[in-house]
N, C-alpha and C. Protein backbone atom coordinates (compact mmCIF):
# COMPACT_ATOMS: atom_id res chain seq x y z
N MET A 1 28.99 -3.05 -13.74
CA MET A 1 27.82 -3.73 -13.91
C MET A 1 26.71 -3.35 -14.81
N SER A 2 25.90 -3.95 -15.58
CA SER A 2 25.31 -3.15 -16.50
C SER A 2 24.04 -3.49 -15.72
N SER A 3 22.93 -2.37 -16.71
CA SER A 3 21.68 -2.20 -15.90
C SER A 3 21.00 -2.95 -16.89
N ALA A 4 19.54 -3.70 -16.78
CA ALA A 4 18.52 -4.39 -17.73
C ALA A 4 18.07 -3.09 -18.24
N SER A 5 18.25 -3.55 -19.87
CA SER A 5 17.25 -2.91 -20.80
C SER A 5 16.10 -2.84 -20.77
N PRO A 6 15.04 -1.63 -20.54
CA PRO A 6 13.72 -1.69 -20.75
C PRO A 6 13.03 -2.60 -21.36
N THR A 7 11.97 -3.40 -20.65
CA THR A 7 11.33 -4.05 -21.71
C THR A 7 9.95 -3.34 -22.77
N GLY A 8 9.57 -4.29 -23.58
CA GLY A 8 8.81 -3.42 -23.95
C GLY A 8 7.32 -3.10 -23.67
N VAL A 9 6.86 -3.49 -22.56
CA VAL A 9 5.82 -2.80 -21.68
C VAL A 9 6.37 -1.89 -20.73
N ASP A 10 7.72 -1.61 -20.25
CA ASP A 10 8.19 -0.59 -19.72
C ASP A 10 8.22 1.03 -20.88
N ARG A 11 8.75 0.59 -22.09
CA ARG A 11 9.20 1.51 -23.14
C ARG A 11 7.31 2.02 -23.19
N LEU A 12 6.43 1.16 -23.29
CA LEU A 12 5.12 1.45 -24.01
C LEU A 12 4.32 2.36 -22.67
N ARG A 13 4.68 1.99 -21.76
CA ARG A 13 4.38 2.81 -20.48
C ARG A 13 4.88 4.28 -20.69
N GLU A 14 6.43 4.21 -20.98
CA GLU A 14 6.78 5.57 -20.88
C GLU A 14 6.47 6.34 -22.17
N SER A 15 6.32 6.10 -23.17
CA SER A 15 5.38 6.30 -24.21
C SER A 15 4.16 6.84 -24.26
N VAL A 16 3.26 6.35 -23.58
CA VAL A 16 1.85 6.46 -23.33
C VAL A 16 1.71 7.30 -22.01
N GLY A 17 2.57 7.31 -21.17
CA GLY A 17 2.17 7.99 -20.34
C GLY A 17 1.47 7.63 -19.19
N VAL A 18 0.91 6.39 -18.83
CA VAL A 18 -0.05 5.77 -18.20
C VAL A 18 0.38 4.78 -17.28
N ASP A 19 0.19 4.83 -15.86
CA ASP A 19 0.64 3.69 -15.11
C ASP A 19 -0.82 3.11 -15.13
N ALA A 20 0.13 1.59 -14.60
CA ALA A 20 -1.12 0.26 -14.34
C ALA A 20 -2.28 0.66 -13.70
N GLN A 21 -2.44 1.49 -12.53
CA GLN A 21 -3.52 1.69 -11.93
C GLN A 21 -4.31 2.23 -12.73
N THR A 22 -4.06 3.78 -13.28
CA THR A 22 -4.85 4.18 -14.42
C THR A 22 -5.61 3.68 -15.73
N LEU A 23 -4.79 2.68 -16.28
CA LEU A 23 -5.43 1.74 -16.95
C LEU A 23 -6.18 0.97 -16.59
N GLN A 24 -5.87 0.12 -15.34
CA GLN A 24 -6.96 -0.55 -14.90
C GLN A 24 -8.52 0.11 -14.56
N ALA A 25 -8.15 1.40 -14.16
CA ALA A 25 -9.63 2.20 -13.45
C ALA A 25 -10.31 2.47 -14.68
N THR A 26 -9.69 3.07 -15.98
CA THR A 26 -10.05 3.24 -17.14
C THR A 26 -10.97 1.77 -17.64
N VAL A 27 -10.15 0.79 -17.65
CA VAL A 27 -10.61 -0.23 -18.79
C VAL A 27 -11.65 -1.42 -17.72
N ALA A 28 -11.27 -1.55 -16.57
CA ALA A 28 -11.99 -2.07 -15.70
C ALA A 28 -13.65 -1.71 -15.76
N ALA A 29 -14.06 -0.71 -15.17
CA ALA A 29 -15.20 -0.10 -15.39
C ALA A 29 -16.12 -0.68 -16.46
N PRO A 30 -15.78 -0.19 -17.77
CA PRO A 30 -16.46 -0.64 -18.91
C PRO A 30 -16.82 -2.24 -19.03
N VAL A 31 -15.76 -3.13 -18.77
CA VAL A 31 -15.67 -4.46 -18.77
C VAL A 31 -16.96 -4.99 -17.69
N ARG A 32 -16.50 -4.24 -16.66
CA ARG A 32 -17.79 -4.68 -15.47
C ARG A 32 -19.24 -4.34 -15.66
N PHE A 33 -19.38 -3.11 -16.69
CA PHE A 33 -20.37 -2.67 -16.75
C PHE A 33 -21.13 -3.79 -17.97
N VAL A 34 -20.52 -4.09 -19.22
CA VAL A 34 -20.62 -4.68 -20.15
C VAL A 34 -20.93 -6.66 -19.29
N GLY A 35 -20.24 -6.74 -18.23
CA GLY A 35 -20.16 -8.07 -17.72
C GLY A 35 -21.58 -8.10 -17.23
N PHE A 36 -21.78 -6.94 -16.24
CA PHE A 36 -23.15 -6.94 -15.82
C PHE A 36 -24.21 -7.36 -16.19
N TRP A 37 -24.31 -6.70 -17.58
CA TRP A 37 -25.67 -6.40 -18.50
C TRP A 37 -25.76 -7.16 -19.08
N ALA A 38 -24.67 -8.45 -19.67
CA ALA A 38 -24.24 -9.49 -20.30
C ALA A 38 -25.17 -10.72 -19.72
N ALA A 39 -24.75 -10.35 -18.59
CA ALA A 39 -25.20 -11.51 -17.40
C ALA A 39 -27.01 -11.23 -17.24
N VAL A 40 -27.36 -10.22 -17.35
CA VAL A 40 -28.67 -9.69 -16.95
C VAL A 40 -29.44 -10.46 -18.03
N LEU A 41 -28.98 -10.04 -19.43
CA LEU A 41 -29.81 -10.36 -20.66
C LEU A 41 -29.45 -11.63 -21.40
N LEU A 42 -28.32 -12.03 -21.27
CA LEU A 42 -28.13 -13.57 -21.66
C LEU A 42 -29.10 -14.58 -21.38
N PRO A 43 -29.85 -14.92 -20.42
CA PRO A 43 -31.02 -15.60 -20.05
C PRO A 43 -31.98 -15.79 -20.96
N PHE A 44 -32.50 -14.36 -21.63
CA PHE A 44 -33.42 -14.63 -22.29
C PHE A 44 -32.97 -14.91 -23.88
N ALA A 45 -31.49 -14.84 -24.08
CA ALA A 45 -31.28 -15.27 -25.26
C ALA A 45 -31.55 -17.11 -25.75
N TYR A 46 -30.89 -17.59 -24.52
CA TYR A 46 -30.90 -19.31 -24.25
C TYR A 46 -32.16 -19.76 -23.48
N THR A 47 -33.17 -18.83 -23.18
CA THR A 47 -34.43 -19.72 -22.83
C THR A 47 -35.14 -20.56 -24.09
N PRO A 48 -35.17 -19.46 -25.03
CA PRO A 48 -35.91 -20.32 -26.28
C PRO A 48 -35.51 -21.77 -26.59
N LEU A 49 -33.74 -22.10 -26.27
CA LEU A 49 -33.23 -22.97 -26.57
C LEU A 49 -33.69 -24.12 -25.74
N LEU A 50 -34.11 -23.93 -24.93
CA LEU A 50 -34.74 -24.96 -23.70
C LEU A 50 -35.95 -25.30 -24.22
N PHE A 51 -36.53 -25.01 -24.92
CA PHE A 51 -37.92 -25.47 -25.21
C PHE A 51 -37.76 -26.05 -26.66
N THR A 52 -36.76 -26.62 -27.16
CA THR A 52 -36.34 -26.99 -28.58
C THR A 52 -35.46 -28.13 -28.22
N ASP A 53 -35.33 -29.31 -28.87
CA ASP A 53 -34.62 -30.19 -28.60
C ASP A 53 -33.08 -30.03 -28.92
N LEU A 54 -32.63 -30.38 -27.86
CA LEU A 54 -31.06 -29.95 -27.69
C LEU A 54 -29.90 -31.40 -27.70
N GLN A 55 -30.13 -30.99 -29.31
CA GLN A 55 -29.52 -32.22 -30.34
C GLN A 55 -28.43 -31.53 -30.97
N GLY A 56 -27.57 -32.02 -31.39
CA GLY A 56 -26.32 -31.07 -32.16
C GLY A 56 -26.05 -29.71 -32.21
N SER A 57 -26.41 -29.04 -33.41
CA SER A 57 -26.00 -27.73 -33.17
C SER A 57 -26.74 -26.63 -32.24
N THR A 58 -27.81 -26.99 -31.61
CA THR A 58 -28.56 -26.67 -30.81
C THR A 58 -27.77 -26.48 -29.27
N MET A 59 -27.49 -27.78 -29.22
CA MET A 59 -26.89 -28.42 -27.66
C MET A 59 -25.69 -27.41 -27.62
N THR A 60 -24.85 -27.46 -28.84
CA THR A 60 -23.54 -26.61 -28.94
C THR A 60 -23.60 -25.12 -28.46
N ALA A 61 -24.80 -24.44 -29.26
CA ALA A 61 -25.11 -22.95 -29.16
C ALA A 61 -25.52 -22.66 -27.82
N PHE A 62 -26.39 -23.59 -26.93
CA PHE A 62 -26.65 -23.67 -25.79
C PHE A 62 -25.36 -23.29 -24.93
N LEU A 63 -24.65 -24.68 -24.80
CA LEU A 63 -23.55 -24.74 -24.45
C LEU A 63 -22.54 -23.31 -24.23
N ALA A 64 -22.54 -22.84 -25.66
CA ALA A 64 -21.71 -21.47 -25.75
C ALA A 64 -22.34 -20.61 -25.04
N LEU A 65 -23.74 -20.41 -25.00
CA LEU A 65 -23.81 -19.48 -24.20
C LEU A 65 -23.96 -19.17 -22.67
N LEU A 66 -24.20 -20.77 -22.38
CA LEU A 66 -23.85 -20.99 -20.97
C LEU A 66 -22.73 -20.65 -20.87
N ALA A 67 -21.86 -21.02 -21.26
CA ALA A 67 -20.41 -20.46 -21.12
C ALA A 67 -20.12 -19.14 -20.98
N VAL A 68 -20.73 -18.72 -21.85
CA VAL A 68 -20.69 -16.99 -22.05
C VAL A 68 -20.82 -16.00 -20.83
N HIS A 69 -22.25 -16.89 -20.49
CA HIS A 69 -23.34 -16.17 -19.33
C HIS A 69 -22.27 -16.16 -18.30
N VAL A 70 -21.68 -17.57 -18.10
CA VAL A 70 -20.85 -17.44 -16.93
C VAL A 70 -19.32 -16.60 -16.94
N CYS A 71 -19.23 -16.45 -18.05
CA CYS A 71 -17.98 -15.70 -17.84
C CYS A 71 -18.64 -14.33 -17.69
N SER A 72 -19.72 -13.96 -18.07
CA SER A 72 -20.25 -12.49 -17.78
C SER A 72 -20.27 -12.47 -16.26
N LEU A 73 -20.92 -13.36 -15.78
CA LEU A 73 -21.33 -13.48 -14.57
C LEU A 73 -20.21 -12.88 -13.55
N VAL A 74 -18.67 -13.58 -13.68
CA VAL A 74 -17.53 -13.28 -13.12
C VAL A 74 -16.97 -11.87 -13.58
N LEU A 75 -17.00 -11.36 -14.56
CA LEU A 75 -16.62 -9.88 -15.21
C LEU A 75 -17.78 -9.00 -14.53
N GLY A 76 -18.85 -9.13 -14.32
CA GLY A 76 -19.78 -7.99 -14.10
C GLY A 76 -20.03 -8.06 -12.49
N ARG A 77 -19.60 -9.01 -11.68
CA ARG A 77 -20.00 -9.33 -10.18
C ARG A 77 -19.57 -8.05 -9.55
N GLN A 78 -18.77 -7.28 -9.70
CA GLN A 78 -18.26 -6.08 -8.66
C GLN A 78 -18.64 -4.72 -9.35
N TYR A 79 -20.00 -5.06 -10.41
CA TYR A 79 -20.58 -3.66 -11.24
C TYR A 79 -21.25 -2.92 -9.64
N ARG A 80 -20.78 -1.50 -9.93
CA ARG A 80 -21.43 -0.71 -8.95
C ARG A 80 -21.25 -1.16 -7.17
N ASN A 81 -19.97 -1.42 -7.27
CA ASN A 81 -19.43 -1.75 -6.07
C ASN A 81 -18.26 -0.87 -5.50
């Protein structure tokens, strides 16, 4: 019976010597930090757009900033927990 050959992810994990939990702990903290502070600061970026006529590219910019804000709220929701 033949054994399965290691996948690319397995070979990368072996060569780097990092397991999934360590990688997640290393990456998760900065992502939560950036997400939290982006969620705090983004309302200051799109508030001036509310005082203009929301048509065309201004509406597109407002919706894009709103979508980024929602994503940052999700990413930063567990910051300091």
